[in-house]
Amino acid sequence: MQHSHLRPASTHGRYSAKNNTKPVNFTCVAPGAQRVTLMGDFNDWDPSAHPMKRQPDGAWILQIQLNHGPHHYLFSIDGKGTLDQRAQGIVRNEKDEKVSLITIS
């Protein structure tokens, strides 16, 4: 009898990284959007994991804790992956898609 695993093994969480994180602010200017979220390598690219909060000026903000090192991410604006115009850089992921880059030091 074969056992199927519900979730693939992850390298995250094998050691405590609590002390290696710092708060990072993300801002997305999308005044006409109904919903903006943050997705990236830190949440398995889950567009529902980090909803952003609309501000009166039309910007959307979110603060999350990130580990030190490079992170790839996109904003999801009404379901469409969008690059961060204020990102430190633009890189290509393993699928050769453009994603935003932020490096936490």
N, C-alpha and C. Protein backbone atom coordinates (compact mmCIF):
# COMPACT_ATOMS: atom_id res chain seq x y z
N MET A 1 0.84 -1.18 0.00
CA MET A 1 0.00 0.00 0.00
C MET A 1 0.89 1.24 0.00
N GLN A 2 0.61 2.17 -0.92
CA GLN A 2 1.40 3.38 -0.99
C GLN A 2 0.70 4.48 -0.21
N HIS A 3 1.51 5.29 0.44
CA HIS A 3 0.96 6.43 1.18
C HIS A 3 1.21 7.69 0.36
N SER A 4 0.19 8.48 0.21
CA SER A 4 0.39 9.76 -0.47
C SER A 4 0.49 10.86 0.57
N HIS A 5 1.42 11.74 0.34
CA HIS A 5 1.61 12.86 1.27
C HIS A 5 0.71 14.02 0.83
N LEU A 6 0.02 14.61 1.78
CA LEU A 6 -0.87 15.72 1.44
C LEU A 6 -0.09 16.97 1.08
N ARG A 7 1.03 17.19 1.76
CA ARG A 7 1.82 18.38 1.49
C ARG A 7 3.26 17.98 1.20
N PRO A 8 3.88 18.60 0.22
CA PRO A 8 5.28 18.29 -0.04
C PRO A 8 6.15 18.77 1.12
N ALA A 9 7.24 18.09 1.33
CA ALA A 9 8.16 18.49 2.39
C ALA A 9 8.72 19.87 2.06
N SER A 10 8.87 20.68 3.05
CA SER A 10 9.35 22.04 2.86
C SER A 10 10.63 22.25 3.65
N THR A 11 11.51 23.05 3.10
CA THR A 11 12.73 23.36 3.83
C THR A 11 12.47 24.49 4.84
N HIS A 12 11.32 25.14 4.71
CA HIS A 12 10.99 26.22 5.66
C HIS A 12 10.64 25.61 7.01
N GLY A 13 11.03 26.27 8.06
CA GLY A 13 10.60 25.85 9.39
C GLY A 13 11.47 24.81 10.03
N ARG A 14 12.55 24.40 9.39
CA ARG A 14 13.42 23.39 10.01
C ARG A 14 14.22 23.99 11.15
N TYR A 15 14.45 25.28 11.07
CA TYR A 15 15.14 25.96 12.16
C TYR A 15 14.41 27.25 12.43
N SER A 16 14.53 27.74 13.63
CA SER A 16 13.81 28.96 13.98
C SER A 16 14.49 30.16 13.36
N ALA A 17 13.74 30.90 12.56
CA ALA A 17 14.30 32.07 11.91
C ALA A 17 13.71 33.35 12.50
N LYS A 18 13.06 33.22 13.63
CA LYS A 18 12.38 34.38 14.23
C LYS A 18 13.32 35.58 14.37
N ASN A 19 14.54 35.33 14.82
CA ASN A 19 15.46 36.43 15.07
C ASN A 19 16.08 36.99 13.80
N ASN A 20 15.88 36.30 12.68
CA ASN A 20 16.45 36.75 11.42
C ASN A 20 15.45 37.50 10.55
N THR A 21 14.29 37.84 11.09
CA THR A 21 13.31 38.55 10.28
C THR A 21 13.27 40.02 10.67
N LYS A 22 12.80 40.83 9.74
CA LYS A 22 12.57 42.24 10.05
C LYS A 22 11.33 42.71 9.34
N PRO A 23 10.64 43.70 9.88
CA PRO A 23 9.42 44.21 9.25
C PRO A 23 9.75 44.94 7.95
N VAL A 24 9.00 44.64 6.91
CA VAL A 24 9.22 45.25 5.61
C VAL A 24 7.89 45.84 5.13
N ASN A 25 7.94 47.09 4.68
CA ASN A 25 6.74 47.77 4.19
C ASN A 25 6.66 47.65 2.68
N PHE A 26 5.47 47.27 2.19
CA PHE A 26 5.21 47.23 0.75
C PHE A 26 4.11 48.24 0.45
N THR A 27 4.26 48.98 -0.65
CA THR A 27 3.26 49.94 -1.09
C THR A 27 2.98 49.71 -2.57
N CYS A 28 1.71 49.63 -2.91
CA CYS A 28 1.29 49.46 -4.31
C CYS A 28 0.29 50.57 -4.63
N VAL A 29 0.59 51.36 -5.65
CA VAL A 29 -0.32 52.42 -6.06
C VAL A 29 -1.26 51.87 -7.12
N ALA A 30 -2.51 51.63 -6.73
CA ALA A 30 -3.52 51.08 -7.64
C ALA A 30 -4.88 51.62 -7.21
N PRO A 31 -5.12 52.93 -7.45
CA PRO A 31 -6.35 53.56 -6.94
C PRO A 31 -7.64 52.96 -7.47
N GLY A 32 -7.62 52.35 -8.66
CA GLY A 32 -8.85 51.79 -9.22
C GLY A 32 -9.10 50.34 -8.86
N ALA A 33 -8.18 49.73 -8.11
CA ALA A 33 -8.28 48.30 -7.83
C ALA A 33 -9.34 48.00 -6.77
N GLN A 34 -9.95 46.84 -6.90
CA GLN A 34 -10.89 46.35 -5.89
C GLN A 34 -10.17 45.56 -4.80
N ARG A 35 -9.08 44.86 -5.19
CA ARG A 35 -8.37 44.00 -4.25
C ARG A 35 -6.90 43.93 -4.67
N VAL A 36 -6.01 44.14 -3.72
CA VAL A 36 -4.58 44.02 -3.97
C VAL A 36 -3.98 43.13 -2.89
N THR A 37 -3.17 42.16 -3.31
CA THR A 37 -2.50 41.28 -2.36
C THR A 37 -1.02 41.19 -2.72
N LEU A 38 -0.24 40.67 -1.79
CA LEU A 38 1.19 40.48 -1.99
C LEU A 38 1.47 38.99 -2.04
N MET A 39 2.13 38.54 -3.10
CA MET A 39 2.49 37.13 -3.21
C MET A 39 3.95 37.01 -3.59
N GLY A 40 4.59 35.96 -3.07
CA GLY A 40 6.00 35.80 -3.38
C GLY A 40 6.54 34.48 -2.86
N ASP A 41 7.86 34.36 -2.91
CA ASP A 41 8.49 33.12 -2.47
C ASP A 41 8.32 32.89 -0.97
N PHE A 42 7.96 33.93 -0.24
CA PHE A 42 7.76 33.84 1.22
C PHE A 42 6.39 33.30 1.59
N ASN A 43 5.45 33.19 0.63
CA ASN A 43 4.13 32.62 0.93
C ASN A 43 3.68 31.64 -0.16
N ASP A 44 4.66 31.00 -0.80
CA ASP A 44 4.39 30.01 -1.86
C ASP A 44 3.53 30.59 -2.99
N TRP A 45 3.69 31.90 -3.25
CA TRP A 45 2.98 32.58 -4.33
C TRP A 45 1.47 32.45 -4.18
N ASP A 46 1.01 32.48 -2.95
CA ASP A 46 -0.42 32.37 -2.65
C ASP A 46 -1.04 33.77 -2.68
N PRO A 47 -1.89 34.08 -3.68
CA PRO A 47 -2.44 35.42 -3.79
C PRO A 47 -3.43 35.79 -2.68
N SER A 48 -3.83 34.81 -1.85
CA SER A 48 -4.76 35.14 -0.77
C SER A 48 -4.07 35.25 0.59
N ALA A 49 -2.78 34.99 0.64
CA ALA A 49 -2.07 34.92 1.93
C ALA A 49 -1.86 36.30 2.58
N HIS A 50 -1.61 37.33 1.78
CA HIS A 50 -1.28 38.64 2.34
C HIS A 50 -2.08 39.75 1.66
N PRO A 51 -3.36 39.92 2.04
CA PRO A 51 -4.14 41.03 1.48
C PRO A 51 -3.57 42.37 1.94
N MET A 52 -3.58 43.34 1.05
CA MET A 52 -3.08 44.67 1.38
C MET A 52 -4.25 45.57 1.75
N LYS A 53 -3.93 46.66 2.44
CA LYS A 53 -4.98 47.56 2.96
C LYS A 53 -5.01 48.86 2.15
N ARG A 54 -6.20 49.18 1.64
CA ARG A 54 -6.37 50.40 0.85
C ARG A 54 -6.26 51.64 1.74
N GLN A 55 -5.54 52.63 1.23
CA GLN A 55 -5.40 53.91 1.91
C GLN A 55 -6.27 54.96 1.20
N PRO A 56 -6.60 56.06 1.89
CA PRO A 56 -7.46 57.08 1.28
C PRO A 56 -6.91 57.65 -0.03
N ASP A 57 -5.57 57.66 -0.20
CA ASP A 57 -4.97 58.23 -1.41
C ASP A 57 -4.91 57.25 -2.58
N GLY A 58 -5.44 56.04 -2.39
CA GLY A 58 -5.45 55.06 -3.47
C GLY A 58 -4.28 54.08 -3.44
N ALA A 59 -3.35 54.31 -2.52
CA ALA A 59 -2.25 53.36 -2.36
C ALA A 59 -2.71 52.19 -1.49
N TRP A 60 -2.06 51.06 -1.63
CA TRP A 60 -2.33 49.87 -0.82
C TRP A 60 -1.07 49.56 -0.05
N ILE A 61 -1.17 49.30 1.25
CA ILE A 61 0.01 49.06 2.05
C ILE A 61 -0.09 47.75 2.83
N LEU A 62 1.09 47.22 3.16
CA LEU A 62 1.18 46.01 3.96
C LEU A 62 2.56 45.95 4.58
N GLN A 63 2.63 45.53 5.84
CA GLN A 63 3.91 45.27 6.47
C GLN A 63 3.95 43.80 6.86
N ILE A 64 5.01 43.10 6.45
CA ILE A 64 5.19 41.70 6.83
C ILE A 64 6.62 41.50 7.32
N GLN A 65 6.82 40.41 8.04
CA GLN A 65 8.16 40.03 8.50
C GLN A 65 8.81 39.18 7.42
N LEU A 66 10.03 39.54 7.03
CA LEU A 66 10.75 38.75 6.04
C LEU A 66 12.13 38.37 6.57
N ASN A 67 12.59 37.18 6.17
CA ASN A 67 13.94 36.74 6.51
C ASN A 67 14.96 37.56 5.73
N HIS A 68 16.17 37.62 6.25
CA HIS A 68 17.26 38.27 5.54
C HIS A 68 17.52 37.53 4.24
N GLY A 69 17.98 38.26 3.22
CA GLY A 69 18.29 37.65 1.93
C GLY A 69 17.36 38.15 0.85
N PRO A 70 17.52 37.60 -0.36
CA PRO A 70 16.69 38.04 -1.50
C PRO A 70 15.31 37.38 -1.49
N HIS A 71 14.32 38.13 -1.94
CA HIS A 71 12.95 37.61 -2.07
C HIS A 71 12.37 38.05 -3.40
N HIS A 72 11.67 37.14 -4.07
CA HIS A 72 10.95 37.45 -5.31
C HIS A 72 9.49 37.61 -4.97
N TYR A 73 8.83 38.59 -5.59
CA TYR A 73 7.42 38.84 -5.29
C TYR A 73 6.73 39.59 -6.42
N LEU A 74 5.41 39.60 -6.35
CA LEU A 74 4.55 40.38 -7.24
C LEU A 74 3.37 40.89 -6.43
N PHE A 75 2.78 41.98 -6.89
CA PHE A 75 1.48 42.37 -6.37
C PHE A 75 0.43 41.66 -7.23
N SER A 76 -0.65 41.24 -6.62
CA SER A 76 -1.79 40.71 -7.36
C SER A 76 -2.87 41.80 -7.31
N ILE A 77 -3.08 42.46 -8.44
CA ILE A 77 -4.06 43.54 -8.52
C ILE A 77 -5.28 43.01 -9.24
N ASP A 78 -6.37 42.84 -8.50
CA ASP A 78 -7.60 42.24 -9.03
C ASP A 78 -7.29 40.93 -9.77
N GLY A 79 -6.40 40.12 -9.18
CA GLY A 79 -6.10 38.80 -9.72
C GLY A 79 -4.99 38.77 -10.76
N LYS A 80 -4.42 39.91 -11.13
CA LYS A 80 -3.38 39.95 -12.15
C LYS A 80 -2.02 40.25 -11.51
N GLY A 81 -1.06 39.36 -11.71
CA GLY A 81 0.28 39.57 -11.17
C GLY A 81 0.92 40.80 -11.78
N THR A 82 1.44 41.69 -10.94
CA THR A 82 1.96 42.98 -11.39
C THR A 82 3.29 43.27 -10.72
N LEU A 83 4.27 43.74 -11.50
CA LEU A 83 5.57 44.11 -10.94
C LEU A 83 5.46 45.33 -10.04
N ASP A 84 6.33 45.40 -9.06
CA ASP A 84 6.42 46.56 -8.16
C ASP A 84 7.32 47.60 -8.83
N GLN A 85 6.74 48.75 -9.17
CA GLN A 85 7.51 49.80 -9.84
C GLN A 85 8.62 50.36 -8.94
N ARG A 86 8.52 50.14 -7.63
CA ARG A 86 9.52 50.65 -6.70
C ARG A 86 10.49 49.56 -6.23
N ALA A 87 10.45 48.40 -6.88
CA ALA A 87 11.30 47.27 -6.46
C ALA A 87 12.78 47.62 -6.60
N GLN A 88 13.62 46.91 -5.85
CA GLN A 88 15.06 47.10 -5.96
C GLN A 88 15.57 46.60 -7.30
N GLY A 89 14.83 45.66 -7.89
CA GLY A 89 15.23 45.12 -9.19
C GLY A 89 14.16 44.22 -9.75
N ILE A 90 14.34 43.85 -11.01
CA ILE A 90 13.43 42.92 -11.67
C ILE A 90 14.29 41.73 -12.09
N VAL A 91 13.85 40.54 -11.75
CA VAL A 91 14.60 39.33 -12.10
C VAL A 91 13.63 38.34 -12.75
N ARG A 92 14.17 37.24 -13.26
CA ARG A 92 13.32 36.21 -13.84
C ARG A 92 13.29 35.01 -12.90
N ASN A 93 12.10 34.45 -12.72
CA ASN A 93 11.97 33.27 -11.86
C ASN A 93 12.28 32.01 -12.66
N GLU A 94 12.08 30.85 -12.04
CA GLU A 94 12.40 29.59 -12.70
C GLU A 94 11.53 29.32 -13.92
N LYS A 95 10.39 30.01 -14.04
CA LYS A 95 9.52 29.87 -15.21
C LYS A 95 9.82 30.94 -16.26
N ASP A 96 10.92 31.69 -16.06
CA ASP A 96 11.34 32.77 -16.96
C ASP A 96 10.33 33.93 -17.00
N GLU A 97 9.59 34.10 -15.90
CA GLU A 97 8.65 35.22 -15.79
C GLU A 97 9.34 36.34 -15.00
N LYS A 98 9.05 37.58 -15.36
CA LYS A 98 9.61 38.71 -14.62
C LYS A 98 8.93 38.83 -13.27
N VAL A 99 9.73 39.00 -12.21
CA VAL A 99 9.22 39.21 -10.86
C VAL A 99 10.04 40.32 -10.20
N SER A 100 9.47 40.93 -9.18
CA SER A 100 10.15 41.98 -8.44
C SER A 100 11.12 41.36 -7.43
N LEU A 101 12.18 42.08 -7.14
CA LEU A 101 13.21 41.61 -6.20
C LEU A 101 13.37 42.60 -5.07
N ILE A 102 13.42 42.06 -3.85
CA ILE A 102 13.79 42.86 -2.68
C ILE A 102 14.81 42.04 -1.89
N THR A 103 15.86 42.71 -1.43
CA THR A 103 16.87 42.03 -0.62
C THR A 103 16.87 42.65 0.77
N ILE A 104 16.67 41.81 1.77
CA ILE A 104 16.62 42.26 3.16
C ILE A 104 17.98 42.00 3.79
N SER A 105 18.55 43.07 4.39
CA SER A 105 19.86 42.88 5.02
C SER A 105 19.82 43.25 6.49
